[in-house]
C-alpha atoms as a PDB file:
ATOM      1  CA  UNK A   1       0.279  -0.242  -0.062  1.00  0.00           C
ATOM      2  CA  UNK A   2       3.207   2.455   0.270  1.00  0.00           C
ATOM      3  CA  UNK A   3       3.210   2.613  -3.623  1.00  0.00           C
ATOM      4  CA  UNK A   4      -0.353   5.185  -3.129  1.00  0.00           C
ATOM      5  CA  UNK A   5       1.799   7.934  -1.107  1.00  0.00           C
ATOM      6  CA  UNK A   6       4.018   8.796  -3.849  1.00  0.00           C
ATOM      7  CA  UNK A   7       3.453  12.473  -4.919  1.00  0.00           C
ATOM      8  CA  UNK A   8       1.363  12.984  -2.463  1.00  0.00           C
ATOM      9  CA  UNK A   9       0.885  16.118  -0.279  1.00  0.00           C
ATOM     10  CA  UNK A  10       3.401  17.864  -2.254  1.00  0.00           C
ATOM     11  CA  UNK A  11       2.753  21.316  -0.727  1.00  0.00           C
ATOM     12  CA  UNK A  12       0.605  21.088   2.646  1.00  0.00           C
ATOM     13  CA  UNK A  13      -0.298  23.189   4.866  1.00  0.00           C
ATOM     14  CA  UNK A  14       2.781  22.826   7.188  1.00  0.00           C
ATOM     15  CA  UNK A  15       5.093  23.610   4.502  1.00  0.00           C
ATOM     16  CA  UNK A  16       3.157  26.436   3.284  1.00  0.00           C
ATOM     17  CA  UNK A  17       2.948  27.731   7.178  1.00  0.00           C
ATOM     18  CA  UNK A  18       6.410  27.364   7.630  1.00  0.00           C
ATOM     19  CA  UNK A  19       6.992  29.289   4.497  1.00  0.00           C
ATOM     20  CA  UNK A  20       5.037  31.934   5.801  1.00  0.00           C
ATOM     21  CA  UNK A  21       6.781  32.434   9.600  1.00  0.00           C
ATOM     22  CA  UNK A  22      10.250  30.863   8.824  1.00  0.00           C
ATOM     23  CA  UNK A  23       9.664  27.627  10.858  1.00  0.00           C
ATOM     24  CA  UNK A  24       7.187  24.746  12.245  1.00  0.00           C
ATOM     25  CA  UNK A  25       5.704  25.319  15.363  1.00  0.00           C
ATOM     26  CA  UNK A  26       5.416  22.681  17.762  1.00  0.00           C
ATOM     27  CA  UNK A  27       1.886  23.038  18.779  1.00  0.00           C
ATOM     28  CA  UNK A  28       1.422  20.248  21.787  1.00  0.00           C
ATOM     29  CA  UNK A  29       4.522  18.653  22.221  1.00  0.00           C
ATOM     30  CA  UNK A  30       6.383  19.455  25.053  1.00  0.00           C
ATOM     31  CA  UNK A  31      10.055  20.532  25.075  1.00  0.00           C
ATOM     32  CA  UNK A  32      11.288  18.684  27.509  1.00  0.00           C
ATOM     33  CA  UNK A  33      10.704  15.538  25.363  1.00  0.00           C
ATOM     34  CA  UNK A  34      13.340  16.641  23.779  1.00  0.00           C
ATOM     35  CA  UNK A  35      17.190  15.284  24.770  1.00  0.00           C
ATOM     36  CA  UNK A  36      19.852  18.051  23.925  1.00  0.00           C
ATOM     37  CA  UNK A  37      23.133  17.033  23.400  1.00  0.00           C
ATOM     38  CA  UNK A  38      25.933  19.427  22.052  1.00  0.00           C
ATOM     39  CA  UNK A  39      26.844  17.097  19.269  1.00  0.00           C
ATOM     40  CA  UNK A  40      26.636  13.527  17.692  1.00  0.00           C
ATOM     41  CA  UNK A  41      29.420  11.949  16.938  1.00  0.00           C
ATOM     42  CA  UNK A  42      29.910  11.572  13.224  1.00  0.00           C
ATOM     43  CA  UNK A  43      30.526   7.814  13.084  1.00  0.00           C
ATOM     44  CA  UNK A  44      27.639   7.607  15.255  1.00  0.00           C
ATOM     45  CA  UNK A  45      25.056   4.593  13.446  1.00  0.00           C
ATOM     46  CA  UNK A  46      22.190   5.576  15.882  1.00  0.00           C
ATOM     47  CA  UNK A  47      22.602   2.499  17.411  1.00  0.00           C
ATOM     48  CA  UNK A  48      23.599   3.470  20.317  1.00  0.00           C
ATOM     49  CA  UNK A  49      21.406   6.443  21.132  1.00  0.00           C
ATOM     50  CA  UNK A  50      18.323   4.152  20.434  1.00  0.00           C
ATOM     51  CA  UNK A  51      19.621   1.708  22.486  1.00  0.00           C
ATOM     52  CA  UNK A  52      19.360   4.619  25.412  1.00  0.00           C
ATOM     53  CA  UNK A  53      16.076   4.823  24.731  1.00  0.00           C
ATOM     54  CA  UNK A  54      15.124   1.100  24.575  1.00  0.00           C
ATOM     55  CA  UNK A  55      16.240   0.914  27.827  1.00  0.00           C
ATOM     56  CA  UNK A  56      14.008   3.537  29.265  1.00  0.00           C
ATOM     57  CA  UNK A  57      11.160   1.451  27.916  1.00  0.00           C
ATOM     58  CA  UNK A  58       8.895  -0.698  29.381  1.00  0.00           C
ATOM     59  CA  UNK A  59       8.326  -3.695  26.953  1.00  0.00           C
ATOM     60  CA  UNK A  60       8.988  -3.028  23.175  1.00  0.00           C
ATOM     61  CA  UNK A  61       6.419  -3.881  20.293  1.00  0.00           C
ATOM     62  CA  UNK A  62       8.983  -5.634  18.019  1.00  0.00           C
ATOM     63  CA  UNK A  63      12.465  -4.639  17.202  1.00  0.00           C
ATOM     64  CA  UNK A  64      13.981  -1.450  16.709  1.00  0.00           C
ATOM     65  CA  UNK A  65      13.185   0.039  13.069  1.00  0.00           C
ATOM     66  CA  UNK A  66      15.283   2.043  10.790  1.00  0.00           C
ATOM     67  CA  UNK A  67      14.918   4.162   8.261  1.00  0.00           C
ATOM     68  CA  UNK A  68      16.949   5.955   6.043  1.00  0.00           C
ATOM     69  CA  UNK A  69      16.722   7.137   2.314  1.00  0.00           C
ATOM     70  CA  UNK A  70      19.150  10.269   0.582  1.00  0.00           C
ATOM     71  CA  UNK A  71      16.830  12.906  -1.764  1.00  0.00           C
ATOM     72  CA  UNK A  72      17.715  16.126  -3.131  1.00  0.00           C
ATOM     73  CA  UNK A  73      21.248  15.373  -1.531  1.00  0.00           C
ATOM     74  CA  UNK A  74      19.494  15.383   1.863  1.00  0.00           C
ATOM     75  CA  UNK A  75      20.317  12.600   4.024  1.00  0.00           C
ATOM     76  CA  UNK A  76      17.671  11.399   6.547  1.00  0.00           C
ATOM     77  CA  UNK A  77      18.685   8.491   9.086  1.00  0.00           C
ATOM     78  CA  UNK A  78      15.576   7.671  11.701  1.00  0.00           C
ATOM     79  CA  UNK A  79      15.849   4.780  14.174  1.00  0.00           C
ATOM     80  CA  UNK A  80      12.628   3.919  16.129  1.00  0.00           C
ATOM     81  CA  UNK A  81      10.455   2.095  18.369  1.00  0.00           C
ATOM     82  CA  UNK A  82       7.454   1.712  20.317  1.00  0.00           C
ATOM     83  CA  UNK A  83       6.348   0.843  23.780  1.00  0.00           C
ATOM     84  CA  UNK A  84       3.706  -0.653  25.019  1.00  0.00           C
ATOM     85  CA  UNK A  85       3.836   2.314  27.768  1.00  0.00           C
ATOM     86  CA  UNK A  86       2.855   6.037  27.133  1.00  0.00           C
ATOM     87  CA  UNK A  87       6.190   7.700  27.688  1.00  0.00           C
ATOM     88  CA  UNK A  88       7.443   9.558  24.303  1.00  0.00           C
ATOM     89  CA  UNK A  89      11.164  10.873  23.765  1.00  0.00           C
ATOM     90  CA  UNK A  90      12.342  12.077  20.412  1.00  0.00           C
ATOM     91  CA  UNK A  91      16.241  13.300  20.028  1.00  0.00           C
ATOM     92  CA  UNK A  92      16.745  14.881  16.966  1.00  0.00           C
ATOM     93  CA  UNK A  93      20.116  16.077  15.093  1.00  0.00           C
ATOM     94  CA  UNK A  94      21.282  17.985  12.016  1.00  0.00           C
ATOM     95  CA  UNK A  95      24.317  18.330  10.387  1.00  0.00           C
ATOM     96  CA  UNK A  96      25.856  16.658  13.434  1.00  0.00           C
ATOM     97  CA  UNK A  97      24.319  19.192  15.720  1.00  0.00           C
ATOM     98  CA  UNK A  98      21.365  18.400  18.433  1.00  0.00           C
ATOM     99  CA  UNK A  99      18.732  20.403  17.941  1.00  0.00           C
ATOM    100  CA  UNK A 100      17.044  20.221  21.501  1.00  0.00           C
ATOM    101  CA  UNK A 101      13.879  21.284  20.434  1.00  0.00           C
ATOM    102  CA  UNK A 102      13.502  19.109  17.482  1.00  0.00           C
ATOM    103  CA  UNK A 103      11.607  21.803  14.554  1.00  0.00           C
ATOM    104  CA  UNK A 104      11.018  20.839  10.900  1.00  0.00           C
ATOM    105  CA  UNK A 105      13.051  17.666  10.627  1.00  0.00           C
ATOM    106  CA  UNK A 106      10.829  16.397  13.756  1.00  0.00           C
ATOM    107  CA  UNK A 107       7.812  18.066  12.562  1.00  0.00           C
ATOM    108  CA  UNK A 108       8.128  15.916   9.383  1.00  0.00           C
ATOM    109  CA  UNK A 109       8.478  12.648  11.348  1.00  0.00           C
ATOM    110  CA  UNK A 110       5.321  12.932  13.168  1.00  0.00           C
ATOM    111  CA  UNK A 111       3.677  13.968   9.637  1.00  0.00           C
ATOM    112  CA  UNK A 112       4.752  11.259   7.956  1.00  0.00           C
ATOM    113  CA  UNK A 113       3.869   8.680  10.964  1.00  0.00           C
ATOM    114  CA  UNK A 114       0.681  10.233  11.104  1.00  0.00           C
ATOM    115  CA  UNK A 115      -0.261   9.911   7.374  1.00  0.00           C
ATOM    116  CA  UNK A 116       1.446   6.434   7.689  1.00  0.00           C
ATOM    117  CA  UNK A 117      -1.079   4.878  10.343  1.00  0.00           C
ATOM    118  CA  UNK A 118      -4.022   6.528   8.708  1.00  0.00           C
ATOM    119  CA  UNK A 119      -3.555   4.512   5.804  1.00  0.00           C
ATOM    120  CA  UNK A 120      -2.947   1.704   7.789  1.00  0.00           C
ATOM    121  CA  UNK A 121      -6.191   1.805   9.345  1.00  0.00           C
ATOM    122  CA  UNK A 122      -7.782   3.031   6.273  1.00  0.00           C
ATOM    123  CA  UNK A 123      -6.950  -0.332   4.401  1.00  0.00           C
ATOM    124  CA  UNK A 124      -7.737  -2.546   7.704  1.00  0.00           C
ATOM    125  CA  UNK A 125     -10.777  -1.007   7.583  1.00  0.00           C
ATOM    126  CA  UNK A 126     -10.895   0.341  11.029  1.00  0.00           C
ATOM    127  CA  UNK A 127     -13.542   2.888  11.626  1.00  0.00           C
ATOM    128  CA  UNK A 128     -11.641   5.346  14.253  1.00  0.00           C
ATOM    129  CA  UNK A 129     -11.897   8.252  12.551  1.00  0.00           C
ATOM    130  CA  UNK A 130      -8.456   9.937  12.379  1.00  0.00           C
ATOM    131  CA  UNK A 131      -5.349   9.848  13.541  1.00  0.00           C
ATOM    132  CA  UNK A 132      -3.520  12.366  15.125  1.00  0.00           C
ATOM    133  CA  UNK A 133       0.019  13.629  15.973  1.00  0.00           C
ATOM    134  CA  UNK A 134      -0.222  13.077  20.011  1.00  0.00           C
ATOM    135  CA  UNK A 135      -1.933   9.726  18.789  1.00  0.00           C
ATOM    136  CA  UNK A 136       0.977   8.154  17.315  1.00  0.00           C
ATOM    137  CA  UNK A 137       3.728   9.759  19.864  1.00  0.00           C
ATOM    138  CA  UNK A 138       2.480   7.678  22.731  1.00  0.00           C
ATOM    139  CA  UNK A 139       4.980   5.185  23.495  1.00  0.00           C
ATOM    140  CA  UNK A 140       7.507   6.783  20.806  1.00  0.00           C
ATOM    141  CA  UNK A 141      10.931   6.747  21.206  1.00  0.00           C
ATOM    142  CA  UNK A 142      13.138   7.792  18.278  1.00  0.00           C
ATOM    143  CA  UNK A 143      15.933   9.679  17.142  1.00  0.00           C
ATOM    144  CA  UNK A 144      16.560  11.942  13.416  1.00  0.00           C
ATOM    145  CA  UNK A 145      19.462  12.874  12.136  1.00  0.00           C
ATOM    146  CA  UNK A 146      19.605  14.947   9.078  1.00  0.00           C
ATOM    147  CA  UNK A 147      22.242  15.737   7.153  1.00  0.00           C
ATOM    148  CA  UNK A 148      21.952  19.149   4.568  1.00  0.00           C
ATOM    149  CA  UNK A 149      25.237  20.358   2.957  1.00  0.00           C
ATOM    150  CA  UNK A 150      23.179  23.277   2.113  1.00  0.00           C
ATOM    151  CA  UNK A 151      21.318  24.045   5.330  1.00  0.00           C
ATOM    152  CA  UNK A 152      23.760  26.083   7.557  1.00  0.00           C
ATOM    153  CA  UNK A 153      22.463  25.515  11.558  1.00  0.00           C
ATOM    154  CA  UNK A 154      23.146  27.797  14.657  1.00  0.00           C
ATOM    155  CA  UNK A 155      23.104  25.616  17.184  1.00  0.00           C
ATOM    156  CA  UNK A 156      22.158  28.528  20.183  1.00  0.00           C
ATOM    157  CA  UNK A 157      18.624  28.287  18.260  1.00  0.00           C
ATOM    158  CA  UNK A 158      18.413  24.983  19.509  1.00  0.00           C
ATOM    159  CA  UNK A 159      15.876  24.176  16.606  1.00  0.00           C
ATOM    160  CA  UNK A 160      15.929  23.704  12.941  1.00  0.00           C
ATOM    161  CA  UNK A 161      13.777  25.773  10.833  1.00  0.00           C
ATOM    162  CA  UNK A 162      13.426  24.835   7.278  1.00  0.00           C
ATOM    163  CA  UNK A 163      10.169  23.709   4.682  1.00  0.00           C
ATOM    164  CA  UNK A 164      12.852  21.638   2.353  1.00  0.00           C
ATOM    165  CA  UNK A 165      13.578  19.361   5.482  1.00  0.00           C
ATOM    166  CA  UNK A 166      10.249  19.521   6.513  1.00  0.00           C
ATOM    167  CA  UNK A 167       8.970  18.099   3.690  1.00  0.00           C
ATOM    168  CA  UNK A 168      12.069  15.528   2.837  1.00  0.00           C
ATOM    169  CA  UNK A 169      11.835  13.801   6.089  1.00  0.00           C
ATOM    170  CA  UNK A 170       7.789  13.537   5.778  1.00  0.00           C
ATOM    171  CA  UNK A 171       8.556  11.861   2.385  1.00  0.00           C
ATOM    172  CA  UNK A 172      11.499   9.923   3.589  1.00  0.00           C
ATOM    173  CA  UNK A 173       8.988   8.487   6.455  1.00  0.00           C
ATOM    174  CA  UNK A 174       5.803   7.703   4.306  1.00  0.00           C
ATOM    175  CA  UNK A 175       7.730   5.798   1.997  1.00  0.00           C
ATOM    176  CA  UNK A 176       9.987   4.040   4.493  1.00  0.00           C
ATOM    177  CA  UNK A 177       7.995   3.281   7.408  1.00  0.00           C
ATOM    178  CA  UNK A 178       4.878   1.937   4.848  1.00  0.00           C
ATOM    179  CA  UNK A 179       7.463  -0.246   3.293  1.00  0.00           C
ATOM    180  CA  UNK A 180       8.279  -1.731   6.557  1.00  0.00           C
ATOM    181  CA  UNK A 181       5.161  -2.104   7.449  1.00  0.00           C
ATOM    182  CA  UNK A 182       4.206  -4.252   4.031  1.00  0.00           C
ATOM    183  CA  UNK A 183       6.895  -6.122   4.754  1.00  0.00           C
ATOM    184  CA  UNK A 184       6.483  -7.189   8.271  1.00  0.00           C
ATOM    185  CA  UNK A 185       2.216  -7.145   8.570  1.00  0.00           C
ATOM    186  CA  UNK A 186       2.299  -8.810  12.274  1.00  0.00           C
ATOM    187  CA  UNK A 187       4.121  -5.679  13.803  1.00  0.00           C
ATOM    188  CA  UNK A 188       1.958  -3.519  11.773  1.00  0.00           C
ATOM    189  CA  UNK A 189      -1.168  -5.013  13.344  1.00  0.00           C
ATOM    190  CA  UNK A 190       0.277  -4.258  17.003  1.00  0.00           C
ATOM    191  CA  UNK A 191       1.149  -0.839  16.002  1.00  0.00           C
ATOM    192  CA  UNK A 192      -1.484   0.013  14.210  1.00  0.00           C
ATOM    193  CA  UNK A 193      -3.076  -1.438  17.250  1.00  0.00           C
ATOM    194  CA  UNK A 194      -1.678   0.679  20.015  1.00  0.00           C
ATOM    195  CA  UNK A 195      -2.061   3.786  17.857  1.00  0.00           C
ATOM    196  CA  UNK A 196      -5.695   2.801  17.555  1.00  0.00           C
ATOM    197  CA  UNK A 197      -6.164   2.211  21.170  1.00  0.00           C
ATOM    198  CA  UNK A 198      -4.415   5.921  21.956  1.00  0.00           C
ATOM    199  CA  UNK A 199      -7.480   7.859  19.714  1.00  0.00           C
ATOM    200  CA  UNK A 200     -10.208   5.930  21.327  1.00  0.00           C
ATOM    201  CA  UNK A 201      -8.594   6.951  24.872  1.00  0.00           C
ATOM    202  CA  UNK A 202      -8.309  10.659  23.319  1.00  0.00           C
ATOM    203  CA  UNK A 203     -11.699  10.671  22.227  1.00  0.00           C
ATOM    204  CA  UNK A 204     -13.258   9.282  25.365  1.00  0.00           C
ATOM    205  CA  UNK A 205     -11.400  11.910  27.330  1.00  0.00           C
ATOM    206  CA  UNK A 206     -12.956  14.520  24.918  1.00  0.00           C
ATOM    207  CA  UNK A 207     -16.284  12.710  25.189  1.00  0.00           C
ATOM    208  CA  UNK A 208     -16.327  12.767  28.986  1.00  0.00           C
ATOM    209  CA  UNK A 209     -14.831  16.483  29.156  1.00  0.00           C
ATOM    210  CA  UNK A 210     -17.740  18.062  26.625  1.00  0.00           C
ATOM    211  CA  UNK A 211     -20.524  15.697  29.193  1.00  0.00           C
ATOM    212  CA  UNK A 212     -19.033  17.296  31.657  1.00  0.00           C
ATOM    213  CA  UNK A 213     -19.365  20.949  30.287  1.00  0.00           C
ATOM    214  CA  UNK A 214     -22.754  20.470  28.899  1.00  0.00           C
ATOM    215  CA  UNK A 215     -24.690  17.981  31.298  1.00  0.00           C
ATOM    216  CA  UNK A 216     -25.211  15.330  28.704  1.00  0.00           C
ATOM    217  CA  UNK A 217     -27.206  13.266  30.638  1.00  0.00           C
ATOM    218  CA  UNK A 218     -29.833  15.744  31.120  1.00  0.00           C
ATOM    219  CA  UNK A 219     -30.179  16.118  27.191  1.00  0.00           C
ATOM    220  CA  UNK A 220     -33.770  14.209  26.378  1.00  0.00           C
END
């Protein structure tokens, strides 16, 4: 099913917003989820980084997933796994510098995951409504490393703001993660089930909140 993503979302709202504002925003994403490190060793293949995060996990769902590709001279490498628990930690780097507050590469990663899970659940004919970014973040541990020779990162900013980086990372995640799920249907079922459960819990909380505000029980 991953082939259906080719050519989609070439110029979505997030890219337009970054062109206008000069960067992406972290709506709903707490800064303390992003771990700052001064510099990622150039020889690091992400294995040690993701291993640190896996050690924090209660119980991982399957093995660590590695996604990588190169597009328009931009190299994207991602190591990720899901925990059965609810904790989230994402580490982001660009040109070997840690971007402690994330930015466009993290936004693209999360957008790619969200689109992918929505596609998977649609194919599975699971009527659970649209999956959101908060749903895919539940239990997610990831390390994102982007190398772009044409991008100059200011370490003092701790954040990447670049529409091209967002677009490329999102495209890579959608293509490579979909491919991985297609080749590993058992893991795809487990992961989509976790995301679906997170979405159901989110909606239940929303309905409970609405009921408290509107006193739904008294409506005839």
